[in-house]
Amino acid sequence: MRALKSLHTDEPEAAPLASIGAWNDSVAELKRQATKTIYVHSRVIYVGHVDLTSQTFFCRFDLFVAWDPKECGTTETFDPFLRMPQSESWSELFRFPHETPAGHVGFRATYEGVFICALELESFPFDAQAFDIRIQMGKDKVSGANLSLTNGYKLEHNASFPNMIAPQISDEYEFRPLRYSLSVTSRLESPEPRCEYMISIPASRKSGYYLSNHYFFVLLMFFFSFTFFVLPVDDIANRIMNNMTIFLINVAFKFSMSATLPKIGYQTAFDKYLTFSFVYLLLDPAIWSIIYVLENSSAADIGPAEVARLWVKNNWMAIGKVGLMLVGYAKLYYDYLVDRNKRSSTFAQMGKMDDALVKILTEQGIRFKPDGTLDNTADYQALMAS
C-alpha cells in the first residue's frame, strides 16, 4: 500500500487560489488512498420543535455504523466516535451491536439533540426546507487516533441499506424521503481533512395556517379600507383618519409577525405581501390629500358643485382600488405557483436519495421525476400514513 500523503508542509504559502486548488487535489488523493471505510445509514424517528427565530430543530434518529474488521479492527479494538458539530446539544440514548450480511461489524445507536440549520425563508410561508444533521469523523475511542483522511479513514453511505424516515405527526410540515450527501471538512475547520456525512430531512411547509390566519387578516383590512369611499367626501378628517387607523393596525400586525421570524436580510413572500398592503392602504389618504390640496378644499368651503365632482372621483377611485386589489392578488397567486414549482429543484439540491430507498419506493408504486424528486407526492404521503 502506498504511503498516505501528508497535508503538512514547511514551504511558504502559495497564492490563495493556488493553495485552495492544492488542498482540494490533496484531499482527492487522500480519498483515493484511504483504505479504512466506515459505512453509515440512518433512520429518522422524530422531527419537531422547529424554531424559526433560532433556526433550530429537535430530532431523534438511529444511526447504523459498520466497518470491515479486516480494515479497522473488531468492536473490541476499534470504536469510532462520530461528532455532530452543527448542533446546540446532542446525546446518545442507546447503543447495540450491529452486524451486516457482508460481514461488517459495528453498532446501532439512537441519538437525539437540537440541531442548527440555515433556513431558506424567501418563499415563506410556501417554502421548502432541508433539516440537516451533520455527522463528522472524530476519534477512535480505543487508540485515540484521529479518524481523518490523513490517517486513511473515510466515511461512506452503506449502499445495502436505505435511509428511512418514520411517519411524522406535524401540523406545519410535510416530509419527503431522506437524502444524504458526503463532504470533507475545509482547511479552515480542520488541519487534517475529515469526512462528513449529511442527513437531509426535506420538508415543505403546510401553508394553510398562514393563509387562514395571516393572509386572510390582511384581506379583512383591505375590505375595511373600502369604508373610506362611503364616508362623505367633505368629511376630510374622518376619511383620512379611518384609513390611517387601519394602516396602523397592519403595522402592529407586521411587528407581531416579525417576532416569530429570524432577523434575515431579505424579504419573505409574506413580507412582500405586507409591503403591498402598506402601499395599498396608504393610497387613499395620500391621493385624497393631494386632491384636497390641489383643489384648495377644506371641510368648511366645499360647496355642492365641488362635492358632486369629488363624488365622481371617489367612485372612480373605488373601482380602481378594487381592480388594483385583484391585480395584486393575481400577482401573489402567480408567485405562489412559481414558488411551488421551485420546490422540486429545491429538493433535488438537498442531496442524493440512496438507491436502496429508491428501489423500495418504486416497488410501492412511487414515481420519480428526472431530477430524482417525487412525481406523485400525494401517493407517497398516503403510503407514509398507511
Foldseek 3Di string as FASTA:
>chain_A
DDAQDDPDDPDDDDPPVVNQVVVVVSVVSLVVQFDWEKAKAKEWEAKADQAQAQQKIKTKIKMWIWTACVRAHAPVQWAWDKDFVQFPDKDWDDKDWDADPVGITYIIIMMIGMGHDDFDFQAPPFAKGWNKTKIWTAATPRPRHGQFSNVRYAYYYDLVDFHYYAQYDDPWKDWDGKFKDKDWDDCVVDVTIIIMIMIIIMITTDCPVCVVPPVVVLVVLLVQLLVLLVPQLLPLVCSLVSLVVSLVVLVVVVVVVVVRHYPDDDHHLVNVVSVVSNVLSVPVNVVSVVVCVVVVDHSVPQDPVNSVVVNVVSVVVSVVSVVVVVVVVVVSVVVSVVNNVCVQVVVLVRHHGRPVVVVVVVVVVWDADPSGGTPCSVVVSVVSVD
